[in-house]
Amino acid sequence: MHCVLDVAFSEDRVNNAAQNFAILRRMTMNLLRQDRKAKVGLKIRRLKACMNDRYFAQLLGWQDP
């Protein structure tokens, strides 16, 4: 898989890894902040998304809220 990413997307895993993960973390935080129904902090929302597939799908917009 990494070879495919390197060749097809010209992705350099070593040099861009930190930046790529930082972007993913920001995207995740934005998704968690958009959930106005949950009256808990971001840490709890993140844990809830890990444990609850329905909540995770809802955050990604894969199913109705």
C-alpha atoms as a PDB file:
ATOM      1  CA  MET A   1       0.000   0.000   0.000  1.00  0.00           C
ATOM      2  CA  HIS A   2       2.753   2.467   0.853  1.00  0.00           C
ATOM      3  CA  CYS A   3       4.445   1.750  -2.440  1.00  0.00           C
ATOM      4  CA  VAL A   4       1.213   2.547  -4.273  1.00  0.00           C
ATOM      5  CA  LEU A   5       0.878   5.806  -2.363  1.00  0.00           C
ATOM      6  CA  ASP A   6       4.468   6.686  -3.171  1.00  0.00           C
ATOM      7  CA  VAL A   7       4.110   5.965  -6.881  1.00  0.00           C
ATOM      8  CA  ALA A   8       0.506   6.968  -7.609  1.00  0.00           C
ATOM      9  CA  PHE A   9       0.294  10.032  -5.390  1.00  0.00           C
ATOM     10  CA  SER A  10       3.977  10.999  -5.173  1.00  0.00           C
ATOM     11  CA  GLU A  11       3.668  10.788  -1.424  1.00  0.00           C
ATOM     12  CA  ASP A  12       6.847  10.806   0.586  1.00  0.00           C
ATOM     13  CA  ARG A  13       5.999   9.069   3.849  1.00  0.00           C
ATOM     14  CA  VAL A  14       9.018  10.228   5.797  1.00  0.00           C
ATOM     15  CA  ASN A  15       8.990  13.930   4.998  1.00  0.00           C
ATOM     16  CA  ASN A  16       5.248  14.509   4.976  1.00  0.00           C
ATOM     17  CA  ALA A  17       4.049  12.160   7.705  1.00  0.00           C
ATOM     18  CA  ALA A  18       3.883  14.723  10.509  1.00  0.00           C
ATOM     19  CA  GLN A  19       2.097  17.243   8.329  1.00  0.00           C
ATOM     20  CA  ASN A  20      -0.350  14.618   7.035  1.00  0.00           C
ATOM     21  CA  PHE A  21      -1.260  13.518  10.565  1.00  0.00           C
ATOM     22  CA  ALA A  22      -1.664  17.139  11.659  1.00  0.00           C
ATOM     23  CA  ILE A  23      -4.167  17.671   8.844  1.00  0.00           C
ATOM     24  CA  LEU A  24      -6.072  14.528   9.833  1.00  0.00           C
ATOM     25  CA  ARG A  25      -6.198  15.674  13.462  1.00  0.00           C
ATOM     26  CA  ARG A  26      -7.596  19.070  12.424  1.00  0.00           C
ATOM     27  CA  MET A  27     -10.214  17.437  10.220  1.00  0.00           C
ATOM     28  CA  THR A  28     -11.215  15.156  13.085  1.00  0.00           C
ATOM     29  CA  MET A  29     -11.476  18.046  15.516  1.00  0.00           C
ATOM     30  CA  ASN A  30     -13.668  19.991  13.087  1.00  0.00           C
ATOM     31  CA  LEU A  31     -16.003  17.011  12.663  1.00  0.00           C
ATOM     32  CA  LEU A  32     -16.284  16.602  16.421  1.00  0.00           C
ATOM     33  CA  ARG A  33     -16.965  20.312  16.939  1.00  0.00           C
ATOM     34  CA  GLN A  34     -19.826  20.242  14.428  1.00  0.00           C
ATOM     35  CA  ASP A  35     -21.825  17.901  16.667  1.00  0.00           C
ATOM     36  CA  ARG A  36     -23.976  20.304  18.682  1.00  0.00           C
ATOM     37  CA  LYS A  37     -26.198  17.590  20.181  1.00  0.00           C
ATOM     38  CA  ALA A  38     -23.535  16.090  22.435  1.00  0.00           C
ATOM     39  CA  LYS A  39     -23.179  18.173  25.578  1.00  0.00           C
ATOM     40  CA  VAL A  40     -19.746  16.784  26.430  1.00  0.00           C
ATOM     41  CA  GLY A  41     -16.178  17.780  25.626  1.00  0.00           C
ATOM     42  CA  LEU A  42     -14.164  16.869  22.549  1.00  0.00           C
ATOM     43  CA  LYS A  43     -12.283  14.127  24.371  1.00  0.00           C
ATOM     44  CA  ILE A  44     -15.491  12.308  25.274  1.00  0.00           C
ATOM     45  CA  ARG A  45     -16.876  12.808  21.762  1.00  0.00           C
ATOM     46  CA  ARG A  46     -13.720  11.262  20.337  1.00  0.00           C
ATOM     47  CA  LEU A  47     -14.010   8.257  22.645  1.00  0.00           C
ATOM     48  CA  LYS A  48     -17.707   7.918  21.807  1.00  0.00           C
ATOM     49  CA  ALA A  49     -16.882   7.906  18.069  1.00  0.00           C
ATOM     50  CA  CYS A  50     -14.349   5.114  18.661  1.00  0.00           C
ATOM     51  CA  MET A  51     -16.843   2.959  20.525  1.00  0.00           C
ATOM     52  CA  ASN A  52     -20.104   3.727  18.735  1.00  0.00           C
ATOM     53  CA  ASP A  53     -20.296   3.004  14.987  1.00  0.00           C
ATOM     54  CA  ARG A  54     -23.588   4.870  14.615  1.00  0.00           C
ATOM     55  CA  TYR A  55     -22.156   8.022  16.159  1.00  0.00           C
ATOM     56  CA  PHE A  56     -19.045   7.715  13.985  1.00  0.00           C
ATOM     57  CA  ALA A  57     -21.184   7.355  10.843  1.00  0.00           C
ATOM     58  CA  GLN A  58     -23.273  10.339  11.936  1.00  0.00           C
ATOM     59  CA  LEU A  59     -20.146  12.480  12.330  1.00  0.00           C
ATOM     60  CA  LEU A  60     -19.037  11.546   8.830  1.00  0.00           C
ATOM     61  CA  GLY A  61     -22.474  12.262   7.420  1.00  0.00           C
ATOM     62  CA  TRP A  62     -23.088   8.673   6.358  1.00  0.00           C
ATOM     63  CA  GLN A  63     -26.512   8.475   8.011  1.00  0.00           C
ATOM     64  CA  ASP A  64     -29.218  10.798   9.248  1.00  0.00           C
ATOM     65  CA  PRO A  65     -28.638  12.347  12.709  1.00  0.00           C
END
